[in-house]
Amino acid sequence: MKKLLLLPGVALVVLALTWSELRRPEGPLLPVGWTLATFGFALALACASIGTRWQRASALLALAVCGQASALSMIDVRNTVDLIQHYRAWPSLFTTREGLWLLAPACQTIVVTTALLRSRPAIIDWVRKTVTLPVAILFLGFVVATAAYPAKGAAFYLGEVLLATWICLANLGNLALVAAALPSESWVRLSDRVTTLWGSATALRLFPWIVAAWVTLVSASLCWAVFERVPHIPDDVGYYFQGKYLSLGKLYLPAPPVQAAFEMDKLHCDGEKWWNYGFPAWPAVLAIGFRFGVPWLVNPVLAGLTILLTWSLLKRQYGHAFAGAVIALLGVSPWFLFMSASFMAHPLSVLWTLVGVMGLEKTRASGHARWSLATGAAVGGLLLNRPLEAIAIAMALGIWILTLRGRWLVVRTLAAVGLSGAAVGSLIFPYNRALTGNPLTTPHEKWAGALYGGGDRLGFGPDIGNLGWTHIDPLPGHGPADIVINASQNTYNIGFELFGWSFGSLCFAALFVLWRKWKREDAIFLLLPASVILAHSFYWFSGGPDFGARYWYQTLIPLVILTVRGIQELQERWAASAGNDAFTQRVAAFVAVASSLALITFLPWRSLGKYYRYRGMGADVAALAERCDFGNSLVFVDNSNRDDYAAAFIFNPRSLDAPGPIYVRDLGEPSNRHVADAFPGRPTWFMAGSPIRNERFRVRPGPGAAMKPTCPR
């Protein structure tokens, strides 16, 4: 009989995954298809537990799955840069079928409200013993302020805040009920087994390696299957280009013939030298991947190293249990996994920061300043990668150095950090001179000056950042209001992306900060986010909607640490008020369930929605080149859509004199003739966007090219 009850849920999963109406014309599943599949899974889960001690917990868990999946489906997010995600407006929800998604949070609200009314005295007592009234008010204010990003007018924003806050509270209550409903005996038995296993030397030795392997595998899989092993935004397209020529041992390439035909955002050509505007550290590391033919694996490997370094650092400061909790949460963080699957420079910066903090921690523990040489080298590496982050991290580390015991240790540490940092960071001067002709002028400055006339720089004023990007930089210039807007956008993005929790990812960290139960070990992890936020307040741009709050990515590990500290503090308060560890185990269950739901709902939703062909980038051109056998052809790409050329440009060879197809903008005559003359003997093709939905491009042969039946005509 129980097997029959599973049939509706299993049937819904199969239907959602196989029905053609829930797929894109080219094949991949639509986000709504996965949502319906999760509904089927939830139904099967609830039915499978009927008549068992897990019945209540499973039913509540199924409701939580449907609640989070429905909430995500109400968000209007596209795979283009022109939109920061928002919940759909109330009129749209009440007048279209999109309003059906409201049924799940409505059911959650009924269930949660009923449970609250039944256990009201006990809940009020727990709350009183957990937070004071001022802390409760500040915390609720934080939840409301970070529930949505202010845009589209006051009325829309107010409606979105109400909807987002409702969804957060409904999901929070639902997950709390799941944790409370878990069968006590079964959960205690499971907790005891985990504790016993964790206490073994083998588990301690293997756990960080298992998490590191998991992170490397998942981020590599995301890069392969979701990002198609190609860059997606102008920044990492530039890094990709730079990594290619650095892998040849070149700091720049010769100017291409007809520069306008090879024009790309973030690239600069002065008539003689052609280079990317970015700083050299990350492209140099990426170049190693190009030398081995696996550039897409570089950031996933760095992610695994980040896990191992985080473990090594935190087990010294907080102990094995705490370090294990941090890397476990880091290992399921959608923000961390997606960024580690990209070709962006931020993961390398985080790794440098970990090295810097570890050097100072060893200095503090040993009393020897020699360990701080690694800290200085790490700051120098940051300067070669993302200079503003180097300033922010140096500020935080400098303050932390002043707290070391012993005046001479402080002096020696500052000297060691300064000398090693200068030794590594000074490499920027010959690099600048090689590209710009002036050791004090960075490639970024020269590129920005040529393109924006100096508007892309640090500081305040009406002429800074006024680039016309009103969809992501609404106010002209840069002033106090812009700081608030950028901070709001970044905080919202982190709260949404950090763990993918349906009630917000910053709740525990915010509570910990408000409780002010800080230890000496917490100092650096409070200083780092504060310094990063302060430093980026001087820059006009927030980073936009690409890969979360990417300009604040250095806050990632500190925020995970503060989250675990908040969880610890909550467990201690509840254990003290109850006189036993029952609530401690329930809090751990709450976090485990919330993170599991994020893996089931949030990660696939992001993969199938926003990051599918993000900004029009994919591997279509590589597949087309193989189908048509471009060989050493010259391929002119229609110039009416800038994304089309970017999607082709990334497949150019490492230098224009290397074998392989060369993709160039189709600017018509006489530009095309000049380009063809510069590459004599190459067959020519013409490529343009296809009007057919399941085709990205169509081609036609030019002189010397032979059309194959497999080519899309």
Foldseek 3Di string as FASTA:
>chain_A
DLVVQLVVLVVQLVCLVPPPVQAFPQGHGFLVSLLSNLLSVLSNQLSNCPPHLCNVLSPLLSLLLLLLQLQLLQKDFFLEQLADIAGDFPVCLVPDPNVVSVVSLVVLVVVLVVVCVVCVVVVVVLVVLQDDPVLVVVLVVVLLLLQGADDDDDVRSVRRSVVSQSSLVSSLSSLLVSLVSDDPVVLVVVVVVVVVLCPDPVCLVCLLVVLLVLLLVLLLVLLCPQVVVFAFDLQLLQLLLCLLQVLVVDLWEFQAFPNVFLDGPQWDDPNGTIHGQFFDLLSNQLNVCVNVVHSQSRLSNLLSVLSVLQQVQVCVVPNNVLSSQLSVLCSLFQLNSNVSRHSDLLSVLLVLLSQLVSLVVCCLVVVDLPSNLSNLLSLLSCCRGPNLLSQLSCVLVLVLLVPRPDPVSSVSNVVSSVVSNCVSNLVQQVSQCVPPVGSVAGSNNVVCCVPQVPQFDFAWDQSHPQPPSCSQQVDGTADPVLLVSLVSQQSSLCQCRGQNFSNTDQSLLSSLVSVPPDDPSLSSLVSNLVSLSVSCSRGRGQCGDPSGSSSSVSNNSSSSSSSSVSLVSSQVSSCVVVVHNSVNSSSVSSVVSRNVSCVSNVNVSCSSGNSRCRNVAHCQLVVLCVLQVQWQAEEEEEPPDVSRQSNVQSPARSHVVDTDYHYTHCPDPPSVVSSCVVVDPHWYKYKYQDPDRNHGIAIDGDPPGDGDPRGHD
